Every structure is written in structure tokens, then in C-alpha cells.
Amino acid sequence: MRVGVIVPVHGWAPYLAEALDSVVAEGPDDVVVVDDASPEPQRAEGPARVVRRETRGGPAAARQTGLEALEGCDLVALCDADDAWRPGRLRAQLAAL
């Protein structure tokens, strides 16, 4: 089962790197950062891809854009740009399913 993660972001995101590190450490198959028309385009290090929206739509629109950008994922997890996942979070969620 392929798992994708969507991380919406707008504007200056001081915790984005920490959020992405915690997500990538869980081993998802795809990670999409959705830049919701930030004044300065976002960048992501590592395996995460950045998809930029040209007009701001808010978190729901950013998540929809992320869903459309995920490639072949059966399950989707969400992480905000100012959150960090605890180790084992994704594995626990998958086990619960």
C-alpha cells in the first residue's frame, strides 16, 4: 500500500524543515509540499516535492492540490508546516487501519 503525505504551507515557514524531517523519517512513498501562493516561493530539501499554487486558496485548496499531485498513493496523511511527527506515528496509523 502506497502512502503519500501532503504538507500545505503559506508564507515564511520557520518549522517546515523540521516538519519535513519528521515526515520523511517515517518512510512515506511520496511527500508533496503545497506552496499556497507564498510571496517568496517555498523550497524543500530531500525527497519532498514542491507544488506551487499561483493563487492563495487556504488550507483546504492547498490540500486538494496536494491530492491531485500525489502519484499512485492509496492512503494520504496530512502534516501542517508547523507540526513535527513523533517517531512511529505513520506506522501506528497504518497498523490501526
PDB file of N, CA and C in Angstrom:
ATOM      1  N   MET A   1       0.835  -1.164   0.000  1.00  0.00           N
ATOM      2  CA  MET A   1       0.000   0.000   0.000  1.00  0.00           C
ATOM      3  C   MET A   1       0.895   1.248   0.000  1.00  0.00           C
ATOM      4  N   ARG A   2       0.670   2.134  -0.961  1.00  0.00           N
ATOM      5  CA  ARG A   2       1.476   3.360  -1.073  1.00  0.00           C
ATOM      6  C   ARG A   2       0.857   4.483  -0.244  1.00  0.00           C
ATOM      7  N   VAL A   3       1.717   5.179   0.503  1.00  0.00           N
ATOM      8  CA  VAL A   3       1.272   6.257   1.380  1.00  0.00           C
ATOM      9  C   VAL A   3       1.899   7.573   0.932  1.00  0.00           C
ATOM     10  N   GLY A   4       1.057   8.596   0.782  1.00  0.00           N
ATOM     11  CA  GLY A   4       1.533   9.931   0.446  1.00  0.00           C
ATOM     12  C   GLY A   4       1.230  10.897   1.573  1.00  0.00           C
ATOM     13  N   VAL A   5       2.034  11.950   1.666  1.00  0.00           N
ATOM     14  CA  VAL A   5       1.844  12.968   2.697  1.00  0.00           C
ATOM     15  C   VAL A   5       1.756  14.329   2.025  1.00  0.00           C
ATOM     16  N   ILE A   6       0.794  15.134   2.474  1.00  0.00           N
ATOM     17  CA  ILE A   6       0.611  16.494   1.965  1.00  0.00           C
ATOM     18  C   ILE A   6       0.944  17.469   3.087  1.00  0.00           C
ATOM     19  N   VAL A   7       1.797  18.449   2.761  1.00  0.00           N
ATOM     20  CA  VAL A   7       2.185  19.484   3.719  1.00  0.00           C
ATOM     21  C   VAL A   7       1.868  20.845   3.093  1.00  0.00           C
ATOM     22  N   PRO A   8       0.726  21.465   3.461  1.00  0.00           N
ATOM     23  CA  PRO A   8       0.416  22.786   2.921  1.00  0.00           C
ATOM     24  C   PRO A   8       1.204  23.868   3.670  1.00  0.00           C
ATOM     25  N   VAL A   9       1.600  24.917   2.943  1.00  0.00           N
ATOM     26  CA  VAL A   9       2.366  25.994   3.570  1.00  0.00           C
ATOM     27  C   VAL A   9       2.075  27.304   2.840  1.00  0.00           C
ATOM     28  N   HIS A  10       2.061  28.388   3.608  1.00  0.00           N
ATOM     29  CA  HIS A  10       1.928  29.718   3.023  1.00  0.00           C
ATOM     30  C   HIS A  10       2.835  30.664   3.800  1.00  0.00           C
ATOM     31  N   GLY A  11       3.627  31.420   3.076  1.00  0.00           N
ATOM     32  CA  GLY A  11       4.492  32.408   3.714  1.00  0.00           C
ATOM     33  C   GLY A  11       5.699  31.798   4.388  1.00  0.00           C
ATOM     34  N   TRP A  12       6.310  32.596   5.242  1.00  0.00           N
ATOM     35  CA  TRP A  12       7.517  32.178   5.949  1.00  0.00           C
ATOM     36  C   TRP A  12       7.178  31.004   6.851  1.00  0.00           C
ATOM     37  N   ALA A  13       7.895  29.922   6.724  1.00  0.00           N
ATOM     38  CA  ALA A  13       7.608  28.699   7.465  1.00  0.00           C
ATOM     39  C   ALA A  13       8.848  28.260   8.246  1.00  0.00           C
ATOM     40  N   PRO A  14       9.047  28.820   9.444  1.00  0.00           N
ATOM     41  CA  PRO A  14      10.276  28.534  10.189  1.00  0.00           C
ATOM     42  C   PRO A  14      10.438  27.085  10.623  1.00  0.00           C
ATOM     43  N   TYR A  15       9.348  26.324  10.676  1.00  0.00           N
ATOM     44  CA  TYR A  15       9.423  24.937  11.140  1.00  0.00           C
ATOM     45  C   TYR A  15       9.260  23.920  10.019  1.00  0.00           C
ATOM     46  N   LEU A  16       9.217  24.381   8.781  1.00  0.00           N
ATOM     47  CA  LEU A  16       8.996  23.470   7.657  1.00  0.00           C
ATOM     48  C   LEU A  16      10.063  22.393   7.572  1.00  0.00           C
ATOM     49  N   ALA A  17      11.318  22.743   7.725  1.00  0.00           N
ATOM     50  CA  ALA A  17      12.400  21.743   7.632  1.00  0.00           C
ATOM     51  C   ALA A  17      12.236  20.663   8.702  1.00  0.00           C
ATOM     52  N   GLU A  18      11.901  21.077   9.922  1.00  0.00           N
ATOM     53  CA  GLU A  18      11.691  20.101  10.999  1.00  0.00           C
ATOM     54  C   GLU A  18      10.489  19.212  10.702  1.00  0.00           C
ATOM     55  N   ALA A  19       9.412  19.815  10.198  1.00  0.00           N
ATOM     56  CA  ALA A  19       8.223  19.034   9.844  1.00  0.00           C
ATOM     57  C   ALA A  19       8.565  18.009   8.773  1.00  0.00           C
ATOM     58  N   LEU A  20       9.281  18.433   7.742  1.00  0.00           N
ATOM     59  CA  LEU A  20       9.629  17.510   6.653  1.00  0.00           C
ATOM     60  C   LEU A  20      10.574  16.416   7.121  1.00  0.00           C
ATOM     61  N   ASP A  21      11.530  16.760   7.979  1.00  0.00           N
ATOM     62  CA  ASP A  21      12.431  15.734   8.516  1.00  0.00           C
ATOM     63  C   ASP A  21      11.639  14.657   9.251  1.00  0.00           C
ATOM     64  N   SER A  22      10.654  15.077  10.053  1.00  0.00           N
ATOM     65  CA  SER A  22       9.877  14.101  10.819  1.00  0.00           C
ATOM     66  C   SER A  22       9.002  13.248   9.905  1.00  0.00           C
ATOM     67  N   VAL A  23       8.471  13.836   8.851  1.00  0.00           N
ATOM     68  CA  VAL A  23       7.634  13.094   7.904  1.00  0.00           C
ATOM     69  C   VAL A  23       8.476  12.107   7.101  1.00  0.00           C
ATOM     70  N   VAL A  24       9.573  12.568   6.547  1.00  0.00           N
ATOM     71  CA  VAL A  24      10.429  11.722   5.707  1.00  0.00           C
ATOM     72  C   VAL A  24      10.990  10.556   6.519  1.00  0.00           C
ATOM     73  N   ALA A  25      11.272  10.781   7.798  1.00  0.00           N
ATOM     74  CA  ALA A  25      11.800   9.709   8.656  1.00  0.00           C
ATOM     75  C   ALA A  25      10.819   8.549   8.795  1.00  0.00           C
ATOM     76  N   GLU A  26       9.537   8.803   8.550  1.00  0.00           N
ATOM     77  CA  GLU A  26       8.513   7.756   8.651  1.00  0.00           C
ATOM     78  C   GLU A  26       8.445   6.886   7.397  1.00  0.00           C
ATOM     79  N   GLY A  27       9.114   7.293   6.318  1.00  0.00           N
ATOM     80  CA  GLY A  27       9.203   6.463   5.125  1.00  0.00           C
ATOM     81  C   GLY A  27       8.005   6.434   4.205  1.00  0.00           C
ATOM     82  N   PRO A  28       7.280   7.545   4.033  1.00  0.00           N
ATOM     83  CA  PRO A  28       6.164   7.513   3.082  1.00  0.00           C
ATOM     84  C   PRO A  28       6.686   7.376   1.652  1.00  0.00           C
ATOM     85  N   ASP A  29       5.807   6.989   0.753  1.00  0.00           N
ATOM     86  CA  ASP A  29       6.203   6.799  -0.640  1.00  0.00           C
ATOM     87  C   ASP A  29       6.294   8.108  -1.417  1.00  0.00           C
ATOM     88  N   ASP A  30       5.553   9.126  -0.987  1.00  0.00           N
ATOM     89  CA  ASP A  30       5.545  10.408  -1.687  1.00  0.00           C
ATOM     90  C   ASP A  30       5.244  11.507  -0.678  1.00  0.00           C
ATOM     91  N   VAL A  31       5.952  12.628  -0.782  1.00  0.00           N
ATOM     92  CA  VAL A  31       5.715  13.789   0.075  1.00  0.00           C
ATOM     93  C   VAL A  31       5.588  15.001  -0.829  1.00  0.00           C
ATOM     94  N   VAL A  32       4.452  15.704  -0.700  1.00  0.00           N
ATOM     95  CA  VAL A  32       4.203  16.891  -1.513  1.00  0.00           C
ATOM     96  C   VAL A  32       4.014  18.088  -0.588  1.00  0.00           C
ATOM     97  N   VAL A  33       4.856  19.094  -0.767  1.00  0.00           N
ATOM     98  CA  VAL A  33       4.698  20.375  -0.084  1.00  0.00           C
ATOM     99  C   VAL A  33       3.929  21.266  -1.039  1.00  0.00           C
ATOM    100  N   VAL A  34       2.793  21.786  -0.598  1.00  0.00           N
ATOM    101  CA  VAL A  34       1.993  22.662  -1.448  1.00  0.00           C
ATOM    102  C   VAL A  34       2.191  24.094  -0.978  1.00  0.00           C
ATOM    103  N   ASP A  35       2.876  24.883  -1.792  1.00  0.00           N
ATOM    104  CA  ASP A  35       3.095  26.298  -1.535  1.00  0.00           C
ATOM    105  C   ASP A  35       1.844  27.041  -2.000  1.00  0.00           C
ATOM    106  N   ASP A  36       1.074  27.535  -1.049  1.00  0.00           N
ATOM    107  CA  ASP A  36      -0.198  28.191  -1.349  1.00  0.00           C
ATOM    108  C   ASP A  36       0.026  29.674  -1.669  1.00  0.00           C
ATOM    109  N   ALA A  37       0.708  29.930  -2.794  1.00  0.00           N
ATOM    110  CA  ALA A  37       0.953  31.283  -3.309  1.00  0.00           C
ATOM    111  C   ALA A  37       1.700  32.163  -2.312  1.00  0.00           C
ATOM    112  N   SER A  38       2.743  31.629  -1.699  1.00  0.00           N
ATOM    113  CA  SER A  38       3.561  32.427  -0.792  1.00  0.00           C
ATOM    114  C   SER A  38       4.221  33.580  -1.541  1.00  0.00           C
ATOM    115  N   PRO A  39       4.433  34.713  -0.862  1.00  0.00           N
ATOM    116  CA  PRO A  39       5.122  35.825  -1.521  1.00  0.00           C
ATOM    117  C   PRO A  39       6.508  35.417  -2.027  1.00  0.00           C
ATOM    118  N   GLU A  40       7.217  34.634  -1.240  1.00  0.00           N
ATOM    119  CA  GLU A  40       8.503  34.068  -1.654  1.00  0.00           C
ATOM    120  C   GLU A  40       8.292  32.565  -1.819  1.00  0.00           C
ATOM    121  N   PRO A  41       8.545  32.013  -3.004  1.00  0.00           N
ATOM    122  CA  PRO A  41       8.320  30.569  -3.216  1.00  0.00           C
ATOM    123  C   PRO A  41       9.065  29.707  -2.203  1.00  0.00           C
ATOM    124  N   GLN A  42       8.410  28.655  -1.772  1.00  0.00           N
ATOM    125  CA  GLN A  42       8.994  27.711  -0.820  1.00  0.00           C
ATOM    126  C   GLN A  42       9.938  26.744  -1.536  1.00  0.00           C
ATOM    127  N   ARG A  43      10.902  26.260  -0.783  1.00  0.00           N
ATOM    128  CA  ARG A  43      11.798  25.210  -1.263  1.00  0.00           C
ATOM    129  C   ARG A  43      11.793  24.093  -0.239  1.00  0.00           C
ATOM    130  N   ALA A  44      12.052  22.891  -0.701  1.00  0.00           N
ATOM    131  CA  ALA A  44      12.121  21.746   0.213  1.00  0.00           C
ATOM    132  C   ALA A  44      13.372  20.946  -0.107  1.00  0.00           C
ATOM    133  N   GLU A  45      14.028  20.500   0.915  1.00  0.00           N
ATOM    134  CA  GLU A  45      15.224  19.671   0.762  1.00  0.00           C
ATOM    135  C   GLU A  45      14.810  18.199   0.759  1.00  0.00           C
ATOM    136  N   GLY A  46      15.640  17.373   0.178  1.00  0.00           N
ATOM    137  CA  GLY A  46      15.408  15.940   0.241  1.00  0.00           C
ATOM    138  C   GLY A  46      14.357  15.446  -0.732  1.00  0.00           C
ATOM    139  N   PRO A  47      13.651  14.383  -0.341  1.00  0.00           N
ATOM    140  CA  PRO A  47      12.739  13.719  -1.275  1.00  0.00           C
ATOM    141  C   PRO A  47      11.383  14.399  -1.468  1.00  0.00           C
ATOM    142  N   ALA A  48      11.097  15.451  -0.717  1.00  0.00           N
ATOM    143  CA  ALA A  48       9.805  16.124  -0.864  1.00  0.00           C
ATOM    144  C   ALA A  48       9.767  16.937  -2.155  1.00  0.00           C
ATOM    145  N   ARG A  49       8.592  16.936  -2.794  1.00  0.00           N
ATOM    146  CA  ARG A  49       8.381  17.759  -3.992  1.00  0.00           C
ATOM    147  C   ARG A  49       7.589  18.993  -3.596  1.00  0.00           C
ATOM    148  N   VAL A  50       7.828  20.100  -4.274  1.00  0.00           N
ATOM    149  CA  VAL A  50       7.056  21.317  -4.030  1.00  0.00           C
ATOM    150  C   VAL A  50       6.157  21.568  -5.230  1.00  0.00           C
ATOM    151  N   VAL A  51       4.881  21.790  -4.934  1.00  0.00           N
ATOM    152  CA  VAL A  51       3.897  22.172  -5.941  1.00  0.00           C
ATOM    153  C   VAL A  51       3.420  23.561  -5.542  1.00  0.00           C
ATOM    154  N   ARG A  52       3.499  24.507  -6.457  1.00  0.00           N
ATOM    155  CA  ARG A  52       3.130  25.888  -6.127  1.00  0.00           C
ATOM    156  C   ARG A  52       1.783  26.260  -6.729  1.00  0.00           C
ATOM    157  N   ARG A  53       0.917  26.800  -5.883  1.00  0.00           N
ATOM    158  CA  ARG A  53      -0.348  27.375  -6.343  1.00  0.00           C
ATOM    159  C   ARG A  53      -0.089  28.840  -6.667  1.00  0.00           C
ATOM    160  N   GLU A  54      -0.636  29.327  -7.755  1.00  0.00           N
ATOM    161  CA  GLU A  54      -0.431  30.718  -8.145  1.00  0.00           C
ATOM    162  C   GLU A  54      -1.370  31.671  -7.416  1.00  0.00           C
ATOM    163  N   THR A  55      -2.514  31.162  -6.946  1.00  0.00           N
ATOM    164  CA  THR A  55      -3.448  31.978  -6.180  1.00  0.00           C
ATOM    165  C   THR A  55      -3.703  31.304  -4.848  1.00  0.00           C
ATOM    166  N   ARG A  56      -3.752  32.123  -3.820  1.00  0.00           N
ATOM    167  CA  ARG A  56      -3.958  31.576  -2.482  1.00  0.00           C
ATOM    168  C   ARG A  56      -5.387  31.063  -2.338  1.00  0.00           C
ATOM    169  N   GLY A  57      -5.508  29.862  -1.787  1.00  0.00           N
ATOM    170  CA  GLY A  57      -6.820  29.267  -1.613  1.00  0.00           C
ATOM    171  C   GLY A  57      -7.079  28.799  -0.202  1.00  0.00           C
ATOM    172  N   GLY A  58      -6.077  28.886   0.659  1.00  0.00           N
ATOM    173  CA  GLY A  58      -6.225  28.424   2.032  1.00  0.00           C
ATOM    174  C   GLY A  58      -5.881  26.945   2.162  1.00  0.00           C
ATOM    175  N   PRO A  59      -5.932  26.432   3.388  1.00  0.00           N
ATOM    176  CA  PRO A  59      -5.507  25.053   3.640  1.00  0.00           C
ATOM    177  C   PRO A  59      -6.278  23.998   2.853  1.00  0.00           C
ATOM    178  N   ALA A  60      -7.586  24.165   2.724  1.00  0.00           N
ATOM    179  CA  ALA A  60      -8.377  23.146   2.011  1.00  0.00           C
ATOM    180  C   ALA A  60      -7.986  23.081   0.538  1.00  0.00           C
ATOM    181  N   ALA A  61      -7.847  24.219  -0.108  1.00  0.00           N
ATOM    182  CA  ALA A  61      -7.457  24.246  -1.516  1.00  0.00           C
ATOM    183  C   ALA A  61      -6.042  23.701  -1.698  1.00  0.00           C
ATOM    184  N   ALA A  62      -5.147  24.030  -0.757  1.00  0.00           N
ATOM    185  CA  ALA A  62      -3.775  23.512  -0.833  1.00  0.00           C
ATOM    186  C   ALA A  62      -3.764  21.995  -0.700  1.00  0.00           C
ATOM    187  N   ARG A  63      -4.572  21.474   0.204  1.00  0.00           N
ATOM    188  CA  ARG A  63      -4.638  20.017   0.365  1.00  0.00           C
ATOM    189  C   ARG A  63      -5.225  19.350  -0.877  1.00  0.00           C
ATOM    190  N   GLN A  64      -6.212  19.977  -1.493  1.00  0.00           N
ATOM    191  CA  GLN A  64      -6.775  19.435  -2.741  1.00  0.00           C
ATOM    192  C   GLN A  64      -5.713  19.407  -3.836  1.00  0.00           C
ATOM    193  N   THR A  65      -4.938  20.468  -3.935  1.00  0.00           N
ATOM    194  CA  THR A  65      -3.835  20.500  -4.910  1.00  0.00           C
ATOM    195  C   THR A  65      -2.843  19.381  -4.616  1.00  0.00           C
ATOM    196  N   GLY A  66      -2.568  19.146  -3.342  1.00  0.00           N
ATOM    197  CA  GLY A  66      -1.672  18.059  -2.957  1.00  0.00           C
ATOM    198  C   GLY A  66      -2.228  16.704  -3.340  1.00  0.00           C
ATOM    199  N   LEU A  67      -3.524  16.493  -3.139  1.00  0.00           N
ATOM    200  CA  LEU A  67      -4.151  15.231  -3.548  1.00  0.00           C
ATOM    201  C   LEU A  67      -3.978  14.989  -5.039  1.00  0.00           C
ATOM    202  N   GLU A  68      -4.169  16.037  -5.824  1.00  0.00           N
ATOM    203  CA  GLU A  68      -4.034  15.912  -7.276  1.00  0.00           C
ATOM    204  C   GLU A  68      -2.587  15.644  -7.687  1.00  0.00           C
ATOM    205  N   ALA A  69      -1.630  16.084  -6.866  1.00  0.00           N
ATOM    206  CA  ALA A  69      -0.217  15.915  -7.202  1.00  0.00           C
ATOM    207  C   ALA A  69       0.360  14.570  -6.755  1.00  0.00           C
ATOM    208  N   LEU A  70      -0.277  13.923  -5.776  1.00  0.00           N
ATOM    209  CA  LEU A  70       0.245  12.634  -5.309  1.00  0.00           C
ATOM    210  C   LEU A  70       0.155  11.612  -6.429  1.00  0.00           C
ATOM    211  N   GLU A  71       1.171  10.789  -6.509  1.00  0.00           N
ATOM    212  CA  GLU A  71       1.252   9.822  -7.605  1.00  0.00           C
ATOM    213  C   GLU A  71       1.039   8.403  -7.103  1.00  0.00           C
ATOM    214  N   GLY A  72      -0.115   7.840  -7.417  1.00  0.00           N
ATOM    215  CA  GLY A  72      -0.386   6.434  -7.143  1.00  0.00           C
ATOM    216  C   GLY A  72      -0.437   6.050  -5.683  1.00  0.00           C
ATOM    217  N   CYS A  73      -0.884   6.935  -4.814  1.00  0.00           N
ATOM    218  CA  CYS A  73      -0.950   6.612  -3.393  1.00  0.00           C
ATOM    219  C   CYS A  73      -2.344   6.127  -3.025  1.00  0.00           C
ATOM    220  N   ASP A  74      -2.373   5.077  -2.213  1.00  0.00           N
ATOM    221  CA  ASP A  74      -3.633   4.507  -1.743  1.00  0.00           C
ATOM    222  C   ASP A  74      -4.148   5.231  -0.502  1.00  0.00           C
ATOM    223  N   LEU A  75      -3.215   5.702   0.313  1.00  0.00           N
ATOM    224  CA  LEU A  75      -3.559   6.395   1.555  1.00  0.00           C
ATOM    225  C   LEU A  75      -2.857   7.747   1.594  1.00  0.00           C
ATOM    226  N   VAL A  76      -3.488   8.711   2.265  1.00  0.00           N
ATOM    227  CA  VAL A  76      -2.933  10.061   2.354  1.00  0.00           C
ATOM    228  C   VAL A  76      -2.911  10.485   3.810  1.00  0.00           C
ATOM    229  N   ALA A  77      -1.785  11.031   4.238  1.00  0.00           N
ATOM    230  CA  ALA A  77      -1.658  11.611   5.575  1.00  0.00           C
ATOM    231  C   ALA A  77      -1.403  13.105   5.412  1.00  0.00           C
ATOM    232  N   LEU A  78      -1.799  13.862   6.419  1.00  0.00           N
ATOM    233  CA  LEU A  78      -1.640  15.313   6.380  1.00  0.00           C
ATOM    234  C   LEU A  78      -0.693  15.751   7.490  1.00  0.00           C
ATOM    235  N   CYS A  79       0.133  16.736   7.186  1.00  0.00           N
ATOM    236  CA  CYS A  79       1.012  17.326   8.195  1.00  0.00           C
ATOM    237  C   CYS A  79       1.094  18.812   7.908  1.00  0.00           C
ATOM    238  N   ASP A  80       0.791  19.642   8.894  1.00  0.00           N
ATOM    239  CA  ASP A  80       0.930  21.076   8.707  1.00  0.00           C
ATOM    240  C   ASP A  80       2.403  21.465   8.789  1.00  0.00           C
ATOM    241  N   ALA A  81       2.741  22.605   8.214  1.00  0.00           N
ATOM    242  CA  ALA A  81       4.134  23.037   8.117  1.00  0.00           C
ATOM    243  C   ALA A  81       4.749  23.386   9.469  1.00  0.00           C
ATOM    244  N   ASP A  82       3.936  23.524  10.505  1.00  0.00           N
ATOM    245  CA  ASP A  82       4.470  23.832  11.830  1.00  0.00           C
ATOM    246  C   ASP A  82       4.319  22.665  12.806  1.00  0.00           C
ATOM    247  N   ASP A  83       4.093  21.473  12.276  1.00  0.00           N
ATOM    248  CA  ASP A  83       3.973  20.263  13.100  1.00  0.00           C
ATOM    249  C   ASP A  83       5.168  19.354  12.875  1.00  0.00           C
ATOM    250  N   ALA A  84       5.485  18.560  13.867  1.00  0.00           N
ATOM    251  CA  ALA A  84       6.505  17.520  13.722  1.00  0.00           C
ATOM    252  C   ALA A  84       5.891  16.212  14.214  1.00  0.00           C
ATOM    253  N   TRP A  85       6.047  15.177  13.429  1.00  0.00           N
ATOM    254  CA  TRP A  85       5.515  13.873  13.812  1.00  0.00           C
ATOM    255  C   TRP A  85       6.444  13.201  14.811  1.00  0.00           C
ATOM    256  N   ARG A  86       5.853  12.500  15.761  1.00  0.00           N
ATOM    257  CA  ARG A  86       6.642  11.682  16.681  1.00  0.00           C
ATOM    258  C   ARG A  86       7.057  10.409  15.943  1.00  0.00           C
ATOM    259  N   PRO A  87       8.215   9.862  16.273  1.00  0.00           N
ATOM    260  CA  PRO A  87       8.641   8.625  15.634  1.00  0.00           C
ATOM    261  C   PRO A  87       7.596   7.520  15.806  1.00  0.00           C
ATOM    262  N   GLY A  88       7.293   6.823  14.732  1.00  0.00           N
ATOM    263  CA  GLY A  88       6.339   5.714  14.759  1.00  0.00           C
ATOM    264  C   GLY A  88       4.908   6.115  14.467  1.00  0.00           C
ATOM    265  N   ARG A  89       4.653   7.390  14.254  1.00  0.00           N
ATOM    266  CA  ARG A  89       3.272   7.842  14.034  1.00  0.00           C
ATOM    267  C   ARG A  89       2.634   7.168  12.831  1.00  0.00           C
ATOM    268  N   LEU A  90       3.308   7.210  11.689  1.00  0.00           N
ATOM    269  CA  LEU A  90       2.724   6.654  10.480  1.00  0.00           C
ATOM    270  C   LEU A  90       2.538   5.141  10.593  1.00  0.00           C
ATOM    271  N   ARG A  91       3.507   4.474  11.181  1.00  0.00           N
ATOM    272  CA  ARG A  91       3.417   3.020  11.375  1.00  0.00           C
ATOM    273  C   ARG A  91       2.210   2.689  12.271  1.00  0.00           C
ATOM    274  N   ALA A  92       1.980   3.464  13.312  1.00  0.00           N
ATOM    275  CA  ALA A  92       0.839   3.235  14.212  1.00  0.00           C
ATOM    276  C   ALA A  92      -0.477   3.450  13.477  1.00  0.00           C
ATOM    277  N   GLN A  93      -0.526   4.496  12.640  1.00  0.00           N
ATOM    278  CA  GLN A  93      -1.752   4.745  11.895  1.00  0.00           C
ATOM    279  C   GLN A  93      -2.038   3.618  10.919  1.00  0.00           C
ATOM    280  N   LEU A  94      -1.002   3.144  10.246  1.00  0.00           N
ATOM    281  CA  LEU A  94      -1.183   2.042   9.297  1.00  0.00           C
ATOM    282  C   LEU A  94      -1.621   0.768  10.019  1.00  0.00           C
ATOM    283  N   ALA A  95      -1.072   0.521  11.171  1.00  0.00           N
ATOM    284  CA  ALA A  95      -1.457  -0.667  11.951  1.00  0.00           C
ATOM    285  C   ALA A  95      -2.920  -0.569  12.384  1.00  0.00           C
ATOM    286  N   ALA A  96      -3.376   0.637  12.712  1.00  0.00           N
ATOM    287  CA  ALA A  96      -4.750   0.830  13.150  1.00  0.00           C
ATOM    288  C   ALA A  96      -5.733   0.588  11.997  1.00  0.00           C
ATOM    289  N   LEU A  97      -5.296   0.860  10.784  1.00  0.00           N
ATOM    290  CA  LEU A  97      -6.156   0.625   9.632  1.00  0.00           C
ATOM    291  C   LEU A  97      -6.273  -0.849   9.339  1.00  0.00           C
TER     292      LEU A  97
END
